[in-house]
All heavy atoms as atom14 arrays in JSON, in Angstrom:
{
  "sequence": "VIEFARLVTNADDSEFARRLPEFLDVDEFAAFVAGHVLLSSYDG",
  "atom14_mask": [
    [1, 1, 1, 1, 1, 1, 1, 0, 0, 0, 0, 0, 0, 0],
    [1, 1, 1, 1, 1, 1, 1, 1, 0, 0, 0, 0, 0, 0],
    [1, 1, 1, 1, 1, 1, 1, 1, 1, 0, 0, 0, 0, 0],
    [1, 1, 1, 1, 1, 1, 1, 1, 1, 1, 1, 0, 0, 0],
    [1, 1, 1, 1, 1, 0, 0, 0, 0, 0, 0, 0, 0, 0],
    [1, 1, 1, 1, 1, 1, 1, 1, 1, 1, 1, 0, 0, 0],
    [1, 1, 1, 1, 1, 1, 1, 1, 0, 0, 0, 0, 0, 0],
    [1, 1, 1, 1, 1, 1, 1, 0, 0, 0, 0, 0, 0, 0],
    [1, 1, 1, 1, 1, 1, 1, 0, 0, 0, 0, 0, 0, 0],
    [1, 1, 1, 1, 1, 1, 1, 1, 0, 0, 0, 0, 0, 0],
    [1, 1, 1, 1, 1, 0, 0, 0, 0, 0, 0, 0, 0, 0],
    [1, 1, 1, 1, 1, 1, 1, 1, 0, 0, 0, 0, 0, 0],
    [1, 1, 1, 1, 1, 1, 1, 1, 0, 0, 0, 0, 0, 0],
    [1, 1, 1, 1, 1, 1, 0, 0, 0, 0, 0, 0, 0, 0],
    [1, 1, 1, 1, 1, 1, 1, 1, 1, 0, 0, 0, 0, 0],
    [1, 1, 1, 1, 1, 1, 1, 1, 1, 1, 1, 0, 0, 0],
    [1, 1, 1, 1, 1, 0, 0, 0, 0, 0, 0, 0, 0, 0],
    [1, 1, 1, 1, 1, 1, 1, 1, 1, 1, 1, 0, 0, 0],
    [1, 1, 1, 1, 1, 1, 1, 1, 1, 1, 1, 0, 0, 0],
    [1, 1, 1, 1, 1, 1, 1, 1, 0, 0, 0, 0, 0, 0],
    [1, 1, 1, 1, 1, 1, 1, 0, 0, 0, 0, 0, 0, 0],
    [1, 1, 1, 1, 1, 1, 1, 1, 1, 0, 0, 0, 0, 0],
    [1, 1, 1, 1, 1, 1, 1, 1, 1, 1, 1, 0, 0, 0],
    [1, 1, 1, 1, 1, 1, 1, 1, 0, 0, 0, 0, 0, 0],
    [1, 1, 1, 1, 1, 1, 1, 1, 0, 0, 0, 0, 0, 0],
    [1, 1, 1, 1, 1, 1, 1, 0, 0, 0, 0, 0, 0, 0],
    [1, 1, 1, 1, 1, 1, 1, 1, 0, 0, 0, 0, 0, 0],
    [1, 1, 1, 1, 1, 1, 1, 1, 1, 0, 0, 0, 0, 0],
    [1, 1, 1, 1, 1, 1, 1, 1, 1, 1, 1, 0, 0, 0],
    [1, 1, 1, 1, 1, 0, 0, 0, 0, 0, 0, 0, 0, 0],
    [1, 1, 1, 1, 1, 0, 0, 0, 0, 0, 0, 0, 0, 0],
    [1, 1, 1, 1, 1, 1, 1, 1, 1, 1, 1, 0, 0, 0],
    [1, 1, 1, 1, 1, 1, 1, 0, 0, 0, 0, 0, 0, 0],
    [1, 1, 1, 1, 1, 0, 0, 0, 0, 0, 0, 0, 0, 0],
    [1, 1, 1, 1, 0, 0, 0, 0, 0, 0, 0, 0, 0, 0],
    [1, 1, 1, 1, 1, 1, 1, 1, 1, 1, 0, 0, 0, 0],
    [1, 1, 1, 1, 1, 1, 1, 0, 0, 0, 0, 0, 0, 0],
    [1, 1, 1, 1, 1, 1, 1, 1, 0, 0, 0, 0, 0, 0],
    [1, 1, 1, 1, 1, 1, 1, 1, 0, 0, 0, 0, 0, 0],
    [1, 1, 1, 1, 1, 1, 0, 0, 0, 0, 0, 0, 0, 0],
    [1, 1, 1, 1, 1, 1, 0, 0, 0, 0, 0, 0, 0, 0],
    [1, 1, 1, 1, 1, 1, 1, 1, 1, 1, 1, 1, 0, 0],
    [1, 1, 1, 1, 1, 1, 1, 1, 0, 0, 0, 0, 0, 0],
    [1, 1, 1, 1, 0, 0, 0, 0, 0, 0, 0, 0, 0, 0]
  ],
  "atom14_positions": [
    [[66.47, 83.96, 90.9], [67.48, 84.57, 91.76], [67.22, 86.08, 91.9], [67.3, 86.66, 93.0], [68.91, 84.32, 91.2], [69.95, 85.12, 91.99], [69.23, 82.85, 91.21], [0.0, 0.0, 0.0], [0.0, 0.0, 0.0], [0.0, 0.0, 0.0], [0.0, 0.0, 0.0], [0.0, 0.0, 0.0], [0.0, 0.0, 0.0], [0.0, 0.0, 0.0]],
    [[66.92, 86.72, 90.8], [66.68, 88.16, 90.81], [65.45, 88.49, 91.66], [65.46, 89.42, 92.5], [66.44, 88.69, 89.36], [67.75, 88.58, 88.56], [65.94, 90.11, 89.38], [67.58, 88.82, 87.08], [0.0, 0.0, 0.0], [0.0, 0.0, 0.0], [0.0, 0.0, 0.0], [0.0, 0.0, 0.0], [0.0, 0.0, 0.0], [0.0, 0.0, 0.0]],
    [[64.39, 87.71, 91.52], [63.16, 87.96, 92.29], [63.41, 87.78, 93.79], [62.9, 88.56, 94.62], [62.07, 87.02, 91.83], [61.54, 87.31, 90.43], [60.6, 86.23, 89.93], [60.41, 85.23, 90.65], [60.05, 86.39, 88.82], [0.0, 0.0, 0.0], [0.0, 0.0, 0.0], [0.0, 0.0, 0.0], [0.0, 0.0, 0.0], [0.0, 0.0, 0.0]],
    [[64.18, 86.76, 94.15], [64.47, 86.56, 95.57], [65.32, 87.67, 96.11], [65.09, 88.16, 97.23], [65.17, 85.2, 95.74], [65.29, 84.73, 97.17], [64.32, 85.05, 98.1], [66.39, 83.99, 97.58], [64.43, 84.62, 99.43], [66.54, 83.55, 98.88], [65.54, 83.88, 99.82], [0.0, 0.0, 0.0], [0.0, 0.0, 0.0], [0.0, 0.0, 0.0]],
    [[66.29, 88.12, 95.35], [67.16, 89.24, 95.78], [66.33, 90.5, 95.98], [66.56, 91.24, 96.96], [68.28, 89.47, 94.76], [0.0, 0.0, 0.0], [0.0, 0.0, 0.0], [0.0, 0.0, 0.0], [0.0, 0.0, 0.0], [0.0, 0.0, 0.0], [0.0, 0.0, 0.0], [0.0, 0.0, 0.0], [0.0, 0.0, 0.0], [0.0, 0.0, 0.0]],
    [[65.39, 90.72, 95.1], [64.52, 91.9, 95.25], [63.68, 91.8, 96.49], [63.45, 92.8, 97.19], [63.65, 92.04, 94.01], [64.4, 92.59, 92.78], [63.53, 92.62, 91.55], [64.21, 93.29, 90.44], [63.82, 93.18, 89.17], [62.73, 92.46, 88.85], [64.48, 93.8, 88.21], [0.0, 0.0, 0.0], [0.0, 0.0, 0.0], [0.0, 0.0, 0.0]],
    [[63.15, 90.62, 96.76], [62.33, 90.43, 97.96], [63.16, 90.73, 99.22], [62.72, 91.45, 100.12], [61.78, 89.0, 98.01], [60.95, 88.68, 99.28], [59.59, 89.35, 99.18], [60.78, 87.19, 99.45], [0.0, 0.0, 0.0], [0.0, 0.0, 0.0], [0.0, 0.0, 0.0], [0.0, 0.0, 0.0], [0.0, 0.0, 0.0], [0.0, 0.0, 0.0]],
    [[64.34, 90.16, 99.28], [65.19, 90.34, 100.46], [65.59, 91.82, 100.63], [65.63, 92.35, 101.72], [66.46, 89.47, 100.36], [67.42, 89.79, 101.5], [66.08, 87.99, 100.37], [0.0, 0.0, 0.0], [0.0, 0.0, 0.0], [0.0, 0.0, 0.0], [0.0, 0.0, 0.0], [0.0, 0.0, 0.0], [0.0, 0.0, 0.0], [0.0, 0.0, 0.0]],
    [[65.86, 92.48, 99.51], [66.39, 93.84, 99.57], [65.3, 94.9, 99.72], [65.49, 95.86, 100.48], [67.21, 94.14, 98.27], [68.24, 93.18, 98.14], [67.84, 95.52, 98.35], [0.0, 0.0, 0.0], [0.0, 0.0, 0.0], [0.0, 0.0, 0.0], [0.0, 0.0, 0.0], [0.0, 0.0, 0.0], [0.0, 0.0, 0.0], [0.0, 0.0, 0.0]],
    [[64.19, 94.72, 99.02], [63.24, 95.83, 98.89], [61.91, 95.67, 99.62], [61.24, 96.64, 99.93], [62.93, 96.07, 97.38], [64.17, 96.45, 96.62], [65.05, 97.17, 97.12], [64.26, 96.0, 95.37], [0.0, 0.0, 0.0], [0.0, 0.0, 0.0], [0.0, 0.0, 0.0], [0.0, 0.0, 0.0], [0.0, 0.0, 0.0], [0.0, 0.0, 0.0]],
    [[61.51, 94.44, 99.91], [60.18, 94.21, 100.49], [60.11, 94.73, 101.94], [61.12, 94.65, 102.68], [59.82, 92.74, 100.45], [0.0, 0.0, 0.0], [0.0, 0.0, 0.0], [0.0, 0.0, 0.0], [0.0, 0.0, 0.0], [0.0, 0.0, 0.0], [0.0, 0.0, 0.0], [0.0, 0.0, 0.0], [0.0, 0.0, 0.0], [0.0, 0.0, 0.0]],
    [[58.94, 95.23, 102.31], [58.79, 95.6, 103.73], [58.64, 94.29, 104.53], [58.55, 93.21, 103.98], [57.61, 96.54, 103.93], [56.26, 95.96, 103.48], [56.1, 94.72, 103.5], [55.37, 96.72, 103.12], [0.0, 0.0, 0.0], [0.0, 0.0, 0.0], [0.0, 0.0, 0.0], [0.0, 0.0, 0.0], [0.0, 0.0, 0.0], [0.0, 0.0, 0.0]],
    [[58.62, 94.44, 105.85], [58.62, 93.27, 106.72], [57.4, 92.37, 106.5], [57.5, 91.13, 106.56], [58.69, 93.66, 108.19], [60.07, 94.24, 108.53], [61.03, 94.06, 107.77], [60.17, 94.86, 109.61], [0.0, 0.0, 0.0], [0.0, 0.0, 0.0], [0.0, 0.0, 0.0], [0.0, 0.0, 0.0], [0.0, 0.0, 0.0], [0.0, 0.0, 0.0]],
    [[56.27, 92.99, 106.26], [55.03, 92.2, 106.07], [55.11, 91.37, 104.79], [54.79, 90.17, 104.83], [53.82, 93.14, 106.02], [52.64, 92.42, 105.79], [0.0, 0.0, 0.0], [0.0, 0.0, 0.0], [0.0, 0.0, 0.0], [0.0, 0.0, 0.0], [0.0, 0.0, 0.0], [0.0, 0.0, 0.0], [0.0, 0.0, 0.0], [0.0, 0.0, 0.0]],
    [[55.48, 91.99, 103.69], [55.59, 91.25, 102.44], [56.7, 90.19, 102.51], [56.52, 89.08, 102.01], [55.89, 92.2, 101.29], [55.98, 91.49, 99.92], [56.41, 92.41, 98.79], [56.71, 93.59, 99.06], [56.48, 91.93, 97.65], [0.0, 0.0, 0.0], [0.0, 0.0, 0.0], [0.0, 0.0, 0.0], [0.0, 0.0, 0.0], [0.0, 0.0, 0.0]],
    [[57.81, 90.55, 103.14], [58.9, 89.59, 103.26], [58.45, 88.34, 104.02], [58.71, 87.22, 103.59], [60.08, 90.25, 103.97], [61.26, 89.35, 104.14], [62.13, 89.1, 103.08], [61.52, 88.69, 105.35], [63.23, 88.27, 103.23], [62.59, 87.85, 105.5], [63.44, 87.64, 104.45], [0.0, 0.0, 0.0], [0.0, 0.0, 0.0], [0.0, 0.0, 0.0]],
    [[57.77, 88.52, 105.14], [57.33, 87.37, 105.92], [56.31, 86.54, 105.15], [56.34, 85.31, 105.21], [56.72, 87.87, 107.23], [0.0, 0.0, 0.0], [0.0, 0.0, 0.0], [0.0, 0.0, 0.0], [0.0, 0.0, 0.0], [0.0, 0.0, 0.0], [0.0, 0.0, 0.0], [0.0, 0.0, 0.0], [0.0, 0.0, 0.0], [0.0, 0.0, 0.0]],
    [[55.44, 87.22, 104.43], [54.36, 86.51, 103.7], [54.92, 85.7, 102.53], [54.52, 84.56, 102.28], [53.33, 87.52, 103.21], [52.2, 86.93, 102.35], [51.18, 87.96, 102.04], [51.73, 89.17, 101.45], [52.02, 89.3, 100.16], [51.81, 88.27, 99.32], [52.48, 90.42, 99.68], [0.0, 0.0, 0.0], [0.0, 0.0, 0.0], [0.0, 0.0, 0.0]],
    [[55.89, 86.25, 101.83], [56.38, 85.61, 100.59], [57.61, 84.75, 100.79], [58.01, 84.05, 99.86], [56.62, 86.72, 99.53], [55.38, 87.5, 99.15], [55.69, 88.34, 97.91], [56.02, 87.5, 96.77], [56.68, 87.93, 95.69], [57.1, 89.19, 95.62], [56.92, 87.1, 94.69], [0.0, 0.0, 0.0], [0.0, 0.0, 0.0], [0.0, 0.0, 0.0]],
    [[58.22, 84.82, 101.94], [59.47, 84.06, 102.17], [59.3, 82.58, 101.84], [60.17, 81.98, 101.2], [59.95, 84.25, 103.62], [61.27, 83.57, 103.95], [62.42, 84.17, 103.15], [61.55, 83.71, 105.46], [0.0, 0.0, 0.0], [0.0, 0.0, 0.0], [0.0, 0.0, 0.0], [0.0, 0.0, 0.0], [0.0, 0.0, 0.0], [0.0, 0.0, 0.0]],
    [[58.22, 81.93, 102.28], [58.08, 80.48, 101.97], [57.96, 80.17, 100.49], [58.12, 79.0, 100.06], [56.81, 80.08, 102.72], [56.65, 81.12, 103.81], [57.16, 82.37, 103.19], [0.0, 0.0, 0.0], [0.0, 0.0, 0.0], [0.0, 0.0, 0.0], [0.0, 0.0, 0.0], [0.0, 0.0, 0.0], [0.0, 0.0, 0.0], [0.0, 0.0, 0.0]],
    [[57.65, 81.17, 99.66], [57.59, 80.96, 98.22], [59.0, 80.69, 97.65], [59.16, 79.97, 96.66], [57.02, 82.18, 97.52], [55.58, 82.51, 97.85], [55.14, 83.79, 97.14], [55.78, 84.15, 96.13], [54.18, 84.43, 97.62], [0.0, 0.0, 0.0], [0.0, 0.0, 0.0], [0.0, 0.0, 0.0], [0.0, 0.0, 0.0], [0.0, 0.0, 0.0]],
    [[59.99, 81.24, 98.29], [61.36, 81.22, 97.78], [62.3, 80.31, 98.59], [63.26, 79.76, 98.05], [61.97, 82.63, 97.74], [61.33, 83.53, 96.72], [60.22, 84.33, 97.03], [61.83, 83.59, 95.43], [59.65, 85.17, 96.11], [61.26, 84.43, 94.49], [60.17, 85.2, 94.82], [0.0, 0.0, 0.0], [0.0, 0.0, 0.0], [0.0, 0.0, 0.0]],
    [[62.08, 80.22, 99.87], [63.02, 79.54, 100.76], [62.43, 78.26, 101.31], [61.3, 78.21, 101.77], [63.38, 80.47, 101.93], [64.4, 79.96, 102.95], [65.79, 79.84, 102.32], [64.45, 80.87, 104.18], [0.0, 0.0, 0.0], [0.0, 0.0, 0.0], [0.0, 0.0, 0.0], [0.0, 0.0, 0.0], [0.0, 0.0, 0.0], [0.0, 0.0, 0.0]],
    [[63.24, 77.18, 101.28], [62.87, 75.95, 101.98], [63.04, 76.21, 103.45], [64.15, 76.08, 104.01], [63.77, 74.81, 101.5], [63.33, 73.46, 102.06], [62.81, 73.44, 103.17], [63.57, 72.44, 101.39], [0.0, 0.0, 0.0], [0.0, 0.0, 0.0], [0.0, 0.0, 0.0], [0.0, 0.0, 0.0], [0.0, 0.0, 0.0], [0.0, 0.0, 0.0]],
    [[61.98, 76.62, 104.11], [62.04, 77.13, 105.5], [62.53, 76.06, 106.44], [63.38, 76.32, 107.31], [60.66, 77.69, 105.92], [60.71, 78.07, 107.38], [60.29, 78.9, 105.06], [0.0, 0.0, 0.0], [0.0, 0.0, 0.0], [0.0, 0.0, 0.0], [0.0, 0.0, 0.0], [0.0, 0.0, 0.0], [0.0, 0.0, 0.0], [0.0, 0.0, 0.0]],
    [[61.99, 74.84, 106.32], [62.39, 73.77, 107.25], [63.91, 73.49, 107.12], [64.61, 73.35, 108.13], [61.62, 72.49, 106.96], [60.17, 72.58, 107.4], [59.87, 73.48, 108.22], [59.36, 71.78, 106.92], [0.0, 0.0, 0.0], [0.0, 0.0, 0.0], [0.0, 0.0, 0.0], [0.0, 0.0, 0.0], [0.0, 0.0, 0.0], [0.0, 0.0, 0.0]],
    [[64.37, 73.4, 105.88], [65.79, 73.12, 105.7], [66.68, 74.27, 106.21], [67.7, 74.02, 106.84], [66.07, 72.87, 104.21], [67.53, 72.51, 103.94], [67.79, 72.33, 102.45], [67.84, 73.36, 101.73], [67.95, 71.19, 102.02], [0.0, 0.0, 0.0], [0.0, 0.0, 0.0], [0.0, 0.0, 0.0], [0.0, 0.0, 0.0], [0.0, 0.0, 0.0]],
    [[66.29, 75.49, 105.92], [67.08, 76.61, 106.39], [67.09, 76.71, 107.91], [68.11, 77.05, 108.52], [66.58, 77.93, 105.77], [67.47, 79.1, 106.09], [68.75, 79.18, 105.6], [67.01, 80.12, 106.89], [69.56, 80.26, 105.89], [67.81, 81.2, 107.2], [69.1, 81.28, 106.69], [0.0, 0.0, 0.0], [0.0, 0.0, 0.0], [0.0, 0.0, 0.0]],
    [[65.94, 76.41, 108.53], [65.9, 76.4, 109.99], [66.85, 75.38, 110.57], [67.55, 75.64, 111.56], [64.47, 76.13, 110.46], [0.0, 0.0, 0.0], [0.0, 0.0, 0.0], [0.0, 0.0, 0.0], [0.0, 0.0, 0.0], [0.0, 0.0, 0.0], [0.0, 0.0, 0.0], [0.0, 0.0, 0.0], [0.0, 0.0, 0.0], [0.0, 0.0, 0.0]],
    [[66.93, 74.2, 109.94], [67.87, 73.17, 110.38], [69.32, 73.6, 110.12], [70.21, 73.34, 110.95], [67.58, 71.84, 109.69], [0.0, 0.0, 0.0], [0.0, 0.0, 0.0], [0.0, 0.0, 0.0], [0.0, 0.0, 0.0], [0.0, 0.0, 0.0], [0.0, 0.0, 0.0], [0.0, 0.0, 0.0], [0.0, 0.0, 0.0], [0.0, 0.0, 0.0]],
    [[69.56, 74.24, 108.99], [70.86, 74.75, 108.65], [71.37, 75.75, 109.7], [72.5, 75.64, 110.22], [70.8, 75.41, 107.26], [72.05, 76.14, 106.81], [73.07, 75.46, 106.2], [72.16, 77.51, 107.01], [74.22, 76.13, 105.79], [73.29, 78.19, 106.58], [74.32, 77.5, 105.98], [0.0, 0.0, 0.0], [0.0, 0.0, 0.0], [0.0, 0.0, 0.0]],
    [[70.5, 76.71, 110.04], [70.9, 77.69, 111.07], [71.05, 77.05, 112.43], [72.02, 77.31, 113.15], [69.86, 78.85, 111.13], [70.21, 79.83, 112.22], [69.81, 79.57, 109.79], [0.0, 0.0, 0.0], [0.0, 0.0, 0.0], [0.0, 0.0, 0.0], [0.0, 0.0, 0.0], [0.0, 0.0, 0.0], [0.0, 0.0, 0.0], [0.0, 0.0, 0.0]],
    [[70.1, 76.17, 112.78], [70.17, 75.49, 114.1], [71.45, 74.71, 114.23], [72.09, 74.72, 115.33], [68.97, 74.6, 114.29], [0.0, 0.0, 0.0], [0.0, 0.0, 0.0], [0.0, 0.0, 0.0], [0.0, 0.0, 0.0], [0.0, 0.0, 0.0], [0.0, 0.0, 0.0], [0.0, 0.0, 0.0], [0.0, 0.0, 0.0], [0.0, 0.0, 0.0]],
    [[71.89, 74.03, 113.17], [73.12, 73.28, 113.26], [74.31, 74.17, 113.51], [75.17, 73.86, 114.35], [0.0, 0.0, 0.0], [0.0, 0.0, 0.0], [0.0, 0.0, 0.0], [0.0, 0.0, 0.0], [0.0, 0.0, 0.0], [0.0, 0.0, 0.0], [0.0, 0.0, 0.0], [0.0, 0.0, 0.0], [0.0, 0.0, 0.0], [0.0, 0.0, 0.0]],
    [[74.39, 75.28, 112.79], [75.5, 76.21, 112.98], [75.47, 76.79, 114.4], [76.5, 76.99, 115.05], [75.42, 77.35, 111.96], [75.97, 77.0, 110.62], [75.36, 76.13, 109.77], [77.1, 77.41, 110.0], [76.07, 76.01, 108.66], [77.13, 76.77, 108.78], [0.0, 0.0, 0.0], [0.0, 0.0, 0.0], [0.0, 0.0, 0.0], [0.0, 0.0, 0.0]],
    [[74.27, 77.11, 114.88], [74.12, 77.73, 116.2], [74.53, 76.75, 117.3], [75.26, 77.1, 118.23], [72.69, 78.22, 116.39], [72.42, 78.55, 117.85], [72.44, 79.45, 115.53], [0.0, 0.0, 0.0], [0.0, 0.0, 0.0], [0.0, 0.0, 0.0], [0.0, 0.0, 0.0], [0.0, 0.0, 0.0], [0.0, 0.0, 0.0], [0.0, 0.0, 0.0]],
    [[74.07, 75.51, 117.23], [74.41, 74.54, 118.25], [75.91, 74.28, 118.3], [76.48, 74.12, 119.38], [73.66, 73.22, 117.99], [72.18, 73.2, 118.3], [71.56, 71.89, 117.81], [71.94, 73.39, 119.78], [0.0, 0.0, 0.0], [0.0, 0.0, 0.0], [0.0, 0.0, 0.0], [0.0, 0.0, 0.0], [0.0, 0.0, 0.0], [0.0, 0.0, 0.0]],
    [[76.52, 74.26, 117.14], [77.97, 73.98, 117.06], [78.83, 75.24, 117.23], [80.06, 75.16, 117.18], [78.3, 73.34, 115.72], [77.66, 71.99, 115.44], [78.01, 71.5, 114.04], [78.08, 70.97, 116.46], [0.0, 0.0, 0.0], [0.0, 0.0, 0.0], [0.0, 0.0, 0.0], [0.0, 0.0, 0.0], [0.0, 0.0, 0.0], [0.0, 0.0, 0.0]],
    [[78.18, 76.39, 117.43], [78.93, 77.67, 117.47], [79.97, 77.7, 116.34], [81.15, 77.91, 116.54], [79.61, 77.85, 118.84], [78.65, 78.01, 119.84], [0.0, 0.0, 0.0], [0.0, 0.0, 0.0], [0.0, 0.0, 0.0], [0.0, 0.0, 0.0], [0.0, 0.0, 0.0], [0.0, 0.0, 0.0], [0.0, 0.0, 0.0], [0.0, 0.0, 0.0]],
    [[79.47, 77.44, 115.13], [80.31, 77.34, 113.97], [80.46, 78.73, 113.31], [79.54, 79.19, 112.62], [79.71, 76.35, 112.97], [80.51, 76.22, 111.81], [0.0, 0.0, 0.0], [0.0, 0.0, 0.0], [0.0, 0.0, 0.0], [0.0, 0.0, 0.0], [0.0, 0.0, 0.0], [0.0, 0.0, 0.0], [0.0, 0.0, 0.0], [0.0, 0.0, 0.0]],
    [[81.6, 79.38, 113.5], [81.75, 80.76, 113.08], [82.71, 80.96, 111.92], [82.96, 82.09, 111.51], [82.2, 81.64, 114.26], [81.07, 81.79, 115.28], [81.2, 81.21, 116.54], [79.92, 82.48, 114.99], [80.15, 81.33, 117.47], [78.9, 82.6, 115.89], [79.03, 82.02, 117.14], [78.0, 82.13, 118.05], [0.0, 0.0, 0.0], [0.0, 0.0, 0.0]],
    [[83.25, 79.88, 111.37], [84.05, 80.04, 110.17], [83.17, 79.8, 108.96], [83.38, 78.89, 108.19], [85.22, 79.02, 110.19], [86.19, 79.24, 109.04], [86.19, 80.36, 108.47], [86.93, 78.3, 108.71], [0.0, 0.0, 0.0], [0.0, 0.0, 0.0], [0.0, 0.0, 0.0], [0.0, 0.0, 0.0], [0.0, 0.0, 0.0], [0.0, 0.0, 0.0]],
    [[82.17, 80.64, 108.85], [81.2, 80.45, 107.76], [80.02, 81.37, 107.84], [80.16, 82.57, 108.11], [0.0, 0.0, 0.0], [0.0, 0.0, 0.0], [0.0, 0.0, 0.0], [0.0, 0.0, 0.0], [0.0, 0.0, 0.0], [0.0, 0.0, 0.0], [0.0, 0.0, 0.0], [0.0, 0.0, 0.0], [0.0, 0.0, 0.0], [0.0, 0.0, 0.0]]
  ]
}
């Protein structure tokens, strides 16, 4: 958790993009965001 928070907070854009898949389930998060976006779900 600490390492991920540091990446999000302190890494420059290049490092963040490169290392994001190490920490985040990209496919699942993309589906999570897409679902909220399609439903215009704003209570969350």
